[in-house]
Amino acid sequence: MNNCGECGRAFTIFWWRNKCTGFTKWKTIGYEKLKCSKIVCSKCVGFNSYHQTLCRNCGEGYSILLKQEEAALQEKRRLAKAVESFPSTYKGRLPIKPGAAEAKVKGEICDDREDALFSLKMKAVEKGMTLLYDVSYKKHTSSEPSNNGQGHGTYISTSWSCNGMATERQ
């Protein structure tokens, strides 16, 4: 193809061709995996990053999909902030909904203890749970010599993870 599939302009040594790596049929929930492969000029590229070049049509669909995913993530974060957690040392009465399902959840390894707890809350939200109990933390410490053993110091790093039981709040 010697011309742009969008505007019809001829390709030259200074006006390069770009192949769309996107998908032609976009849906509100996601996309159908059907390659577009339209050849477009630099002016008609709708989205371009280091790993993906999209024509205008696919670029608009990708933009909508990113906005939907961002909105879903924001909602998940909002719900995670509302999840109540109780440490494994808690001895009081837990406000657990009678007959509610329970699931063991494990958070990601994070640099900060609060981030580890938030990661655990996000996992609970993914399972549809609103309460965490028996939450315990694990501190991970590692060290390595500086400058491949040639220096006079040691790098010490600390990270955290936590796990617990998730269920529904009463």
C-alpha atoms as a PDB file:
ATOM      1  CA  MET A   1       0.000   0.000   0.000  1.00  0.00           C
ATOM      2  CA  ASN A   2       1.458   3.345  -1.062  1.00  0.00           C
ATOM      3  CA  ASN A   3      -1.177   5.648   0.457  1.00  0.00           C
ATOM      4  CA  CYS A   4      -2.541   6.257   3.962  1.00  0.00           C
ATOM      5  CA  GLY A   5      -5.680   4.249   4.744  1.00  0.00           C
ATOM      6  CA  GLU A   6      -7.239   7.283   6.492  1.00  0.00           C
ATOM      7  CA  CYS A   7      -6.364  10.456   4.546  1.00  0.00           C
ATOM      8  CA  GLY A   8      -5.010   8.940   1.310  1.00  0.00           C
ATOM      9  CA  ARG A   9      -1.703  10.828   1.415  1.00  0.00           C
ATOM     10  CA  ALA A  10       1.192   9.103  -0.393  1.00  0.00           C
ATOM     11  CA  PHE A  11       4.030   7.682   1.692  1.00  0.00           C
ATOM     12  CA  THR A  12       7.546   8.998   1.067  1.00  0.00           C
ATOM     13  CA  ILE A  13      10.926   8.725   2.702  1.00  0.00           C
ATOM     14  CA  PHE A  14       9.857  11.628   4.971  1.00  0.00           C
ATOM     15  CA  TRP A  15       6.193  10.610   5.367  1.00  0.00           C
ATOM     16  CA  TRP A  16       6.333   7.161   6.954  1.00  0.00           C
ATOM     17  CA  ARG A  17       3.760   4.419   7.049  1.00  0.00           C
ATOM     18  CA  ASN A  18       2.566   2.983  10.369  1.00  0.00           C
ATOM     19  CA  LYS A  19       0.719  -0.291  10.798  1.00  0.00           C
ATOM     20  CA  CYS A  20      -2.111  -0.256  13.351  1.00  0.00           C
ATOM     21  CA  THR A  21      -1.566  -2.928  15.989  1.00  0.00           C
ATOM     22  CA  GLY A  22      -5.019  -2.429  17.510  1.00  0.00           C
ATOM     23  CA  PHE A  23      -8.391  -4.064  17.238  1.00  0.00           C
ATOM     24  CA  THR A  24     -11.242  -2.983  14.990  1.00  0.00           C
ATOM     25  CA  LYS A  25     -14.281  -3.976  17.044  1.00  0.00           C
ATOM     26  CA  TRP A  26     -14.485  -2.391  20.485  1.00  0.00           C
ATOM     27  CA  LYS A  27     -17.163  -3.179  23.039  1.00  0.00           C
ATOM     28  CA  THR A  28     -18.102  -1.332  26.213  1.00  0.00           C
ATOM     29  CA  ILE A  29     -16.710  -4.114  28.417  1.00  0.00           C
ATOM     30  CA  GLY A  30     -13.588  -4.822  26.417  1.00  0.00           C
ATOM     31  CA  TYR A  31     -12.698  -5.698  22.881  1.00  0.00           C
ATOM     32  CA  GLU A  32     -13.015  -8.481  20.388  1.00  0.00           C
ATOM     33  CA  LYS A  33      -9.641  -9.757  19.280  1.00  0.00           C
ATOM     34  CA  LEU A  34      -9.752  -8.916  15.598  1.00  0.00           C
ATOM     35  CA  LYS A  35      -6.591  -7.299  14.209  1.00  0.00           C
ATOM     36  CA  CYS A  36      -7.050  -3.979  12.409  1.00  0.00           C
ATOM     37  CA  SER A  37      -3.652  -3.797  10.622  1.00  0.00           C
ATOM     38  CA  LYS A  38      -4.657  -0.596   8.786  1.00  0.00           C
ATOM     39  CA  ILE A  39      -1.711   1.269   7.231  1.00  0.00           C
ATOM     40  CA  VAL A  40      -1.812   4.958   8.253  1.00  0.00           C
ATOM     41  CA  CYS A  41       0.483   7.976   8.084  1.00  0.00           C
ATOM     42  CA  SER A  42       2.002   9.704  11.120  1.00  0.00           C
ATOM     43  CA  LYS A  43      -0.694  12.387  11.016  1.00  0.00           C
ATOM     44  CA  CYS A  44      -3.504   9.826  11.220  1.00  0.00           C
ATOM     45  CA  VAL A  45      -2.077   7.818  14.145  1.00  0.00           C
ATOM     46  CA  GLY A  46      -4.583   8.011  17.002  1.00  0.00           C
ATOM     47  CA  PHE A  47      -2.367   6.602  19.756  1.00  0.00           C
ATOM     48  CA  ASN A  48       1.341   5.837  19.750  1.00  0.00           C
ATOM     49  CA  SER A  49       3.540   4.437  22.503  1.00  0.00           C
ATOM     50  CA  TYR A  50       6.716   2.410  22.581  1.00  0.00           C
ATOM     51  CA  HIS A  51       4.833  -0.865  22.060  1.00  0.00           C
ATOM     52  CA  GLN A  52       1.631   0.073  20.251  1.00  0.00           C
ATOM     53  CA  THR A  53       0.542   2.160  17.255  1.00  0.00           C
ATOM     54  CA  LEU A  54      -3.183   2.635  16.710  1.00  0.00           C
ATOM     55  CA  CYS A  55      -5.225   4.255  13.946  1.00  0.00           C
ATOM     56  CA  ARG A  56      -7.771   6.894  14.993  1.00  0.00           C
ATOM     57  CA  ASN A  57     -10.648   4.416  15.256  1.00  0.00           C
ATOM     58  CA  CYS A  58      -8.706   1.950  17.401  1.00  0.00           C
ATOM     59  CA  GLY A  59      -7.146   4.822  19.387  1.00  0.00           C
ATOM     60  CA  GLU A  60     -10.590   6.136  20.354  1.00  0.00           C
ATOM     61  CA  GLY A  61     -11.686   2.654  21.436  1.00  0.00           C
ATOM     62  CA  TYR A  62      -8.494   2.164  23.431  1.00  0.00           C
ATOM     63  CA  SER A  63      -8.995   5.526  25.135  1.00  0.00           C
ATOM     64  CA  ILE A  64     -12.551   4.546  26.143  1.00  0.00           C
ATOM     65  CA  LEU A  65     -11.309   1.197  27.460  1.00  0.00           C
ATOM     66  CA  LEU A  66      -8.567   2.885  29.526  1.00  0.00           C
ATOM     67  CA  LYS A  67     -11.105   5.308  31.034  1.00  0.00           C
ATOM     68  CA  GLN A  68     -13.397   2.407  31.976  1.00  0.00           C
ATOM     69  CA  GLU A  69     -10.526   0.481  33.563  1.00  0.00           C
ATOM     70  CA  GLU A  70      -9.413   3.589  35.490  1.00  0.00           C
ATOM     71  CA  ALA A  71     -12.977   4.168  36.744  1.00  0.00           C
ATOM     72  CA  ALA A  72     -13.233   0.518  37.852  1.00  0.00           C
ATOM     73  CA  LEU A  73      -9.894   0.783  39.670  1.00  0.00           C
ATOM     74  CA  GLN A  74     -10.963   3.991  41.436  1.00  0.00           C
ATOM     75  CA  GLU A  75     -14.181   2.290  42.577  1.00  0.00           C
ATOM     76  CA  LYS A  76     -12.192  -0.703  43.825  1.00  0.00           C
ATOM     77  CA  ARG A  77      -9.864   1.632  45.774  1.00  0.00           C
ATOM     78  CA  ARG A  78     -12.871   3.416  47.289  1.00  0.00           C
ATOM     79  CA  LEU A  79     -14.337   0.081  48.434  1.00  0.00           C
ATOM     80  CA  ALA A  80     -10.948  -1.060  49.789  1.00  0.00           C
ATOM     81  CA  LYS A  81     -10.700   2.050  51.981  1.00  0.00           C
ATOM     82  CA  ALA A  82     -14.026   1.059  53.568  1.00  0.00           C
ATOM     83  CA  VAL A  83     -12.879  -2.484  54.439  1.00  0.00           C
ATOM     84  CA  GLU A  84     -12.430  -2.796  58.188  1.00  0.00           C
ATOM     85  CA  SER A  85      -9.506  -4.872  59.456  1.00  0.00           C
ATOM     86  CA  PHE A  86      -8.780  -6.546  62.781  1.00  0.00           C
ATOM     87  CA  PRO A  87      -5.310  -7.837  63.754  1.00  0.00           C
ATOM     88  CA  SER A  88      -4.685 -11.425  64.796  1.00  0.00           C
ATOM     89  CA  THR A  89      -4.244 -10.190  68.391  1.00  0.00           C
ATOM     90  CA  TYR A  90      -7.796  -8.773  68.543  1.00  0.00           C
ATOM     91  CA  LYS A  91      -9.845 -10.556  71.219  1.00  0.00           C
ATOM     92  CA  GLY A  92     -13.175  -8.724  70.967  1.00  0.00           C
ATOM     93  CA  ARG A  93     -16.365  -9.579  69.104  1.00  0.00           C
ATOM     94  CA  LEU A  94     -16.095  -9.362  65.329  1.00  0.00           C
ATOM     95  CA  PRO A  95     -19.019  -7.858  63.352  1.00  0.00           C
ATOM     96  CA  ILE A  96     -19.247 -10.819  60.956  1.00  0.00           C
ATOM     97  CA  LYS A  97     -22.462 -11.413  59.018  1.00  0.00           C
ATOM     98  CA  PRO A  98     -23.967 -14.769  60.129  1.00  0.00           C
ATOM     99  CA  GLY A  99     -23.499 -17.478  57.503  1.00  0.00           C
ATOM    100  CA  ALA A 100     -21.175 -15.333  55.394  1.00  0.00           C
ATOM    101  CA  ALA A 101     -18.528 -16.998  53.271  1.00  0.00           C
ATOM    102  CA  GLU A 102     -14.894 -16.725  54.372  1.00  0.00           C
ATOM    103  CA  ALA A 103     -11.718 -16.761  52.339  1.00  0.00           C
ATOM    104  CA  LYS A 104      -8.045 -16.634  53.173  1.00  0.00           C
ATOM    105  CA  VAL A 105      -6.383 -13.702  51.422  1.00  0.00           C
ATOM    106  CA  LYS A 106      -2.753 -12.825  50.981  1.00  0.00           C
ATOM    107  CA  GLY A 107      -1.516  -9.338  50.118  1.00  0.00           C
ATOM    108  CA  GLU A 108       1.371  -8.300  47.898  1.00  0.00           C
ATOM    109  CA  ILE A 109       4.888  -7.662  49.156  1.00  0.00           C
ATOM    110  CA  CYS A 110       5.244  -3.889  49.599  1.00  0.00           C
ATOM    111  CA  ASP A 111       7.859  -1.434  50.839  1.00  0.00           C
ATOM    112  CA  ASP A 112       5.538  -0.053  53.493  1.00  0.00           C
ATOM    113  CA  ARG A 113       3.361  -1.770  56.094  1.00  0.00           C
ATOM    114  CA  GLU A 114       0.288   0.372  55.287  1.00  0.00           C
ATOM    115  CA  ASP A 115       0.672  -0.421  51.580  1.00  0.00           C
ATOM    116  CA  ALA A 116       0.745  -4.139  52.421  1.00  0.00           C
ATOM    117  CA  LEU A 117      -2.523  -3.772  54.359  1.00  0.00           C
ATOM    118  CA  PHE A 118      -4.115  -1.787  51.510  1.00  0.00           C
ATOM    119  CA  SER A 119      -3.046  -4.523  49.077  1.00  0.00           C
ATOM    120  CA  LEU A 120      -4.756  -7.068  51.339  1.00  0.00           C
ATOM    121  CA  LYS A 121      -7.907  -4.924  51.380  1.00  0.00           C
ATOM    122  CA  MET A 122      -7.858  -4.753  47.569  1.00  0.00           C
ATOM    123  CA  LYS A 123      -7.687  -8.578  47.433  1.00  0.00           C
ATOM    124  CA  ALA A 124     -10.664  -8.765  49.815  1.00  0.00           C
ATOM    125  CA  VAL A 125     -12.670  -6.394  47.576  1.00  0.00           C
ATOM    126  CA  GLU A 126     -11.855  -8.595  44.553  1.00  0.00           C
ATOM    127  CA  LYS A 127     -13.504 -11.480  46.408  1.00  0.00           C
ATOM    128  CA  GLY A 128     -16.526  -9.338  47.343  1.00  0.00           C
ATOM    129  CA  MET A 129     -15.632  -9.209  51.046  1.00  0.00           C
ATOM    130  CA  THR A 130     -15.994  -6.205  53.377  1.00  0.00           C
ATOM    131  CA  LEU A 131     -14.156  -7.282  56.553  1.00  0.00           C
ATOM    132  CA  LEU A 132     -10.689  -8.619  57.332  1.00  0.00           C
ATOM    133  CA  TYR A 133      -9.776 -10.379  60.547  1.00  0.00           C
ATOM    134  CA  ASP A 134      -6.847 -12.395  61.868  1.00  0.00           C
ATOM    135  CA  VAL A 135      -4.564 -10.012  59.947  1.00  0.00           C
ATOM    136  CA  SER A 136      -0.883 -10.710  60.481  1.00  0.00           C
ATOM    137  CA  TYR A 137       2.166  -8.974  59.014  1.00  0.00           C
ATOM    138  CA  LYS A 138       5.437 -10.446  57.896  1.00  0.00           C
ATOM    139  CA  LYS A 139       8.580  -8.356  57.669  1.00  0.00           C
ATOM    140  CA  HIS A 140      11.043  -9.315  54.929  1.00  0.00           C
ATOM    141  CA  THR A 141      14.621  -8.072  55.306  1.00  0.00           C
ATOM    142  CA  SER A 142      17.432  -8.563  52.842  1.00  0.00           C
ATOM    143  CA  SER A 143      20.943  -7.221  52.559  1.00  0.00           C
ATOM    144  CA  GLU A 144      23.663  -7.103  49.955  1.00  0.00           C
ATOM    145  CA  PRO A 145      27.122  -5.579  49.933  1.00  0.00           C
ATOM    146  CA  SER A 146      27.498  -2.229  48.207  1.00  0.00           C
ATOM    147  CA  ASN A 147      29.520  -1.942  44.971  1.00  0.00           C
ATOM    148  CA  ASN A 148      29.567  -5.719  44.437  1.00  0.00           C
ATOM    149  CA  GLY A 149      31.529  -6.285  47.641  1.00  0.00           C
ATOM    150  CA  GLN A 150      34.128  -3.605  46.882  1.00  0.00           C
ATOM    151  CA  GLY A 151      32.574  -0.891  49.074  1.00  0.00           C
ATOM    152  CA  HIS A 152      32.544  -0.448  52.818  1.00  0.00           C
ATOM    153  CA  GLY A 153      28.840  -0.821  53.401  1.00  0.00           C
ATOM    154  CA  THR A 154      25.818  -2.996  53.035  1.00  0.00           C
ATOM    155  CA  TYR A 155      22.450  -2.177  51.517  1.00  0.00           C
ATOM    156  CA  ILE A 156      19.657  -3.326  53.804  1.00  0.00           C
ATOM    157  CA  SER A 157      16.101  -3.351  52.473  1.00  0.00           C
ATOM    158  CA  THR A 158      12.872  -4.084  54.286  1.00  0.00           C
ATOM    159  CA  SER A 159       9.522  -5.025  52.798  1.00  0.00           C
ATOM    160  CA  TRP A 160       6.199  -6.115  54.248  1.00  0.00           C
ATOM    161  CA  SER A 161       3.428  -8.535  53.420  1.00  0.00           C
ATOM    162  CA  CYS A 162       0.286  -9.480  55.274  1.00  0.00           C
ATOM    163  CA  ASN A 163      -2.435 -12.067  55.152  1.00  0.00           C
ATOM    164  CA  GLY A 164      -5.713 -12.699  56.887  1.00  0.00           C
ATOM    165  CA  MET A 165      -9.249 -13.955  56.617  1.00  0.00           C
ATOM    166  CA  ALA A 166     -11.855 -12.058  54.598  1.00  0.00           C
ATOM    167  CA  THR A 167     -15.603 -12.162  55.111  1.00  0.00           C
ATOM    168  CA  GLU A 168     -18.659  -9.902  54.989  1.00  0.00           C
ATOM    169  CA  ARG A 169     -19.398  -7.294  57.607  1.00  0.00           C
ATOM    170  CA  GLN A 170     -22.650  -7.460  59.516  1.00  0.00           C
END
